[in-house]
Amino acid sequence: MTDKARNKGKFMVLLRSDVDYEHLFAAIEYDGREIAIVTQEEGKEHLKLEASFGDPIKPGIAWIVELDGFLEAVQAAKKRLLER
């Protein structure tokens, strides 16, 4: 299940559910690729950020994203989970 995404420039935050997670989580996409999720498996007081790279990263190659945009997307993901 995925809810309506909220767009923050190149970043998108989507609330999702999955059989691997007991609770709803927020996926953060950058330029159309999922780069992280914010989970609430240990409760809303103990949210966790998980980096999730779909493609293996080769040595010497790194994901580079806008820091301020990423921090805003993480805060938006947290806010959306806590609103539920």
C-alpha atoms as a PDB file:
ATOM      1  CA  MET A   1       0.000   0.000   0.000  1.00  0.00           C
ATOM      2  CA  THR A   2       1.253   3.470  -0.845  1.00  0.00           C
ATOM      3  CA  ASP A   3      -0.489   6.722  -0.075  1.00  0.00           C
ATOM      4  CA  LYS A   4      -0.344   9.972  -2.015  1.00  0.00           C
ATOM      5  CA  ALA A   5       3.229  11.265  -2.215  1.00  0.00           C
ATOM      6  CA  ARG A   6       4.348  14.644  -1.002  1.00  0.00           C
ATOM      7  CA  ASN A   7       6.915  16.221  -3.293  1.00  0.00           C
ATOM      8  CA  LYS A   8       9.853  18.252  -1.930  1.00  0.00           C
ATOM      9  CA  GLY A   9      11.757  19.214  -5.094  1.00  0.00           C
ATOM     10  CA  LYS A  10      13.588  16.070  -6.210  1.00  0.00           C
ATOM     11  CA  PHE A  11      12.495  14.365  -2.985  1.00  0.00           C
ATOM     12  CA  MET A  12       9.206  12.526  -2.473  1.00  0.00           C
ATOM     13  CA  VAL A  13       7.843  11.093   0.764  1.00  0.00           C
ATOM     14  CA  LEU A  14       5.386   8.191   0.519  1.00  0.00           C
ATOM     15  CA  LEU A  15       3.686   6.308   3.342  1.00  0.00           C
ATOM     16  CA  ARG A  16       3.765   2.569   2.735  1.00  0.00           C
ATOM     17  CA  SER A  17       3.026  -0.777   4.305  1.00  0.00           C
ATOM     18  CA  ASP A  18       4.816  -4.029   3.592  1.00  0.00           C
ATOM     19  CA  VAL A  19       4.694  -7.591   4.895  1.00  0.00           C
ATOM     20  CA  ASP A  20       8.248  -7.156   6.239  1.00  0.00           C
ATOM     21  CA  TYR A  21       7.081  -4.370   8.584  1.00  0.00           C
ATOM     22  CA  GLU A  22       4.364  -4.553  11.207  1.00  0.00           C
ATOM     23  CA  HIS A  23       3.704  -0.799  11.075  1.00  0.00           C
ATOM     24  CA  LEU A  24       3.356   1.829   8.379  1.00  0.00           C
ATOM     25  CA  PHE A  25       6.652   3.385   7.236  1.00  0.00           C
ATOM     26  CA  ALA A  26       7.652   6.410   5.172  1.00  0.00           C
ATOM     27  CA  ALA A  27       9.760   5.925   2.050  1.00  0.00           C
ATOM     28  CA  ILE A  28      11.985   8.776   0.845  1.00  0.00           C
ATOM     29  CA  GLU A  29      12.703   8.881  -2.869  1.00  0.00           C
ATOM     30  CA  TYR A  30      15.246  11.121  -4.587  1.00  0.00           C
ATOM     31  CA  ASP A  31      14.864  11.738  -8.293  1.00  0.00           C
ATOM     32  CA  GLY A  32      12.556   8.706  -8.553  1.00  0.00           C
ATOM     33  CA  ARG A  33      14.746   6.252  -6.586  1.00  0.00           C
ATOM     34  CA  GLU A  34      14.094   5.118  -3.041  1.00  0.00           C
ATOM     35  CA  ILE A  35      17.084   6.090  -0.891  1.00  0.00           C
ATOM     36  CA  ALA A  36      15.784   5.636   2.666  1.00  0.00           C
ATOM     37  CA  ILE A  37      12.844   4.694   4.834  1.00  0.00           C
ATOM     38  CA  VAL A  38      11.758   5.919   8.244  1.00  0.00           C
ATOM     39  CA  THR A  39      10.310   3.075  10.321  1.00  0.00           C
ATOM     40  CA  GLN A  40       8.316   3.003  13.537  1.00  0.00           C
ATOM     41  CA  GLU A  41       8.748  -0.680  14.429  1.00  0.00           C
ATOM     42  CA  GLU A  42       9.984   0.216  17.937  1.00  0.00           C
ATOM     43  CA  GLY A  43       7.255   2.816  18.500  1.00  0.00           C
ATOM     44  CA  LYS A  44       6.725   6.435  17.539  1.00  0.00           C
ATOM     45  CA  GLU A  45       9.233   7.545  20.190  1.00  0.00           C
ATOM     46  CA  HIS A  46      11.996   5.475  18.535  1.00  0.00           C
ATOM     47  CA  LEU A  47      11.812   6.130  14.786  1.00  0.00           C
ATOM     48  CA  LYS A  48      14.661   4.620  12.757  1.00  0.00           C
ATOM     49  CA  LEU A  49      16.185   5.727   9.458  1.00  0.00           C
ATOM     50  CA  GLU A  50      17.205   2.903   7.106  1.00  0.00           C
ATOM     51  CA  ALA A  51      19.259   3.605   3.990  1.00  0.00           C
ATOM     52  CA  SER A  52      17.949   1.401   1.194  1.00  0.00           C
ATOM     53  CA  PHE A  53      19.833   1.443  -2.069  1.00  0.00           C
ATOM     54  CA  GLY A  54      18.197  -0.573  -4.823  1.00  0.00           C
ATOM     55  CA  ASP A  55      21.406  -1.009  -6.806  1.00  0.00           C
ATOM     56  CA  PRO A  56      24.648  -2.186  -5.236  1.00  0.00           C
ATOM     57  CA  ILE A  57      27.060   0.695  -4.806  1.00  0.00           C
ATOM     58  CA  LYS A  58      30.350   0.069  -6.540  1.00  0.00           C
ATOM     59  CA  PRO A  59      33.607   1.082  -4.837  1.00  0.00           C
ATOM     60  CA  GLY A  60      34.363   4.732  -5.512  1.00  0.00           C
ATOM     61  CA  ILE A  61      30.732   5.544  -6.368  1.00  0.00           C
ATOM     62  CA  ALA A  62      28.494   7.288  -3.871  1.00  0.00           C
ATOM     63  CA  TRP A  63      24.949   8.601  -3.799  1.00  0.00           C
ATOM     64  CA  ILE A  64      25.056  12.370  -3.559  1.00  0.00           C
ATOM     65  CA  VAL A  65      21.861  14.191  -2.590  1.00  0.00           C
ATOM     66  CA  GLU A  66      21.066  17.714  -1.459  1.00  0.00           C
ATOM     67  CA  LEU A  67      21.582  17.749   2.316  1.00  0.00           C
ATOM     68  CA  ASP A  68      18.938  20.371   3.164  1.00  0.00           C
ATOM     69  CA  GLY A  69      16.380  18.659   0.938  1.00  0.00           C
ATOM     70  CA  PHE A  70      17.180  15.275   2.492  1.00  0.00           C
ATOM     71  CA  LEU A  71      16.820  16.625   6.035  1.00  0.00           C
ATOM     72  CA  GLU A  72      13.503  18.260   5.088  1.00  0.00           C
ATOM     73  CA  ALA A  73      12.307  14.963   3.574  1.00  0.00           C
ATOM     74  CA  VAL A  74      13.268  13.056   6.744  1.00  0.00           C
ATOM     75  CA  GLN A  75      11.377  15.590   8.879  1.00  0.00           C
ATOM     76  CA  ALA A  76       8.364  15.361   6.545  1.00  0.00           C
ATOM     77  CA  ALA A  77       8.451  11.544   6.794  1.00  0.00           C
ATOM     78  CA  LYS A  78       8.561  11.749  10.593  1.00  0.00           C
ATOM     79  CA  LYS A  79       5.687  14.237  10.690  1.00  0.00           C
ATOM     80  CA  ARG A  80       3.510  12.131   8.394  1.00  0.00           C
ATOM     81  CA  LEU A  81       4.061   8.969  10.445  1.00  0.00           C
ATOM     82  CA  LEU A  82       3.268  10.772  13.698  1.00  0.00           C
ATOM     83  CA  GLU A  83       0.082  12.242  12.198  1.00  0.00           C
ATOM     84  CA  ARG A  84      -1.316   8.721  11.599  1.00  0.00           C
END
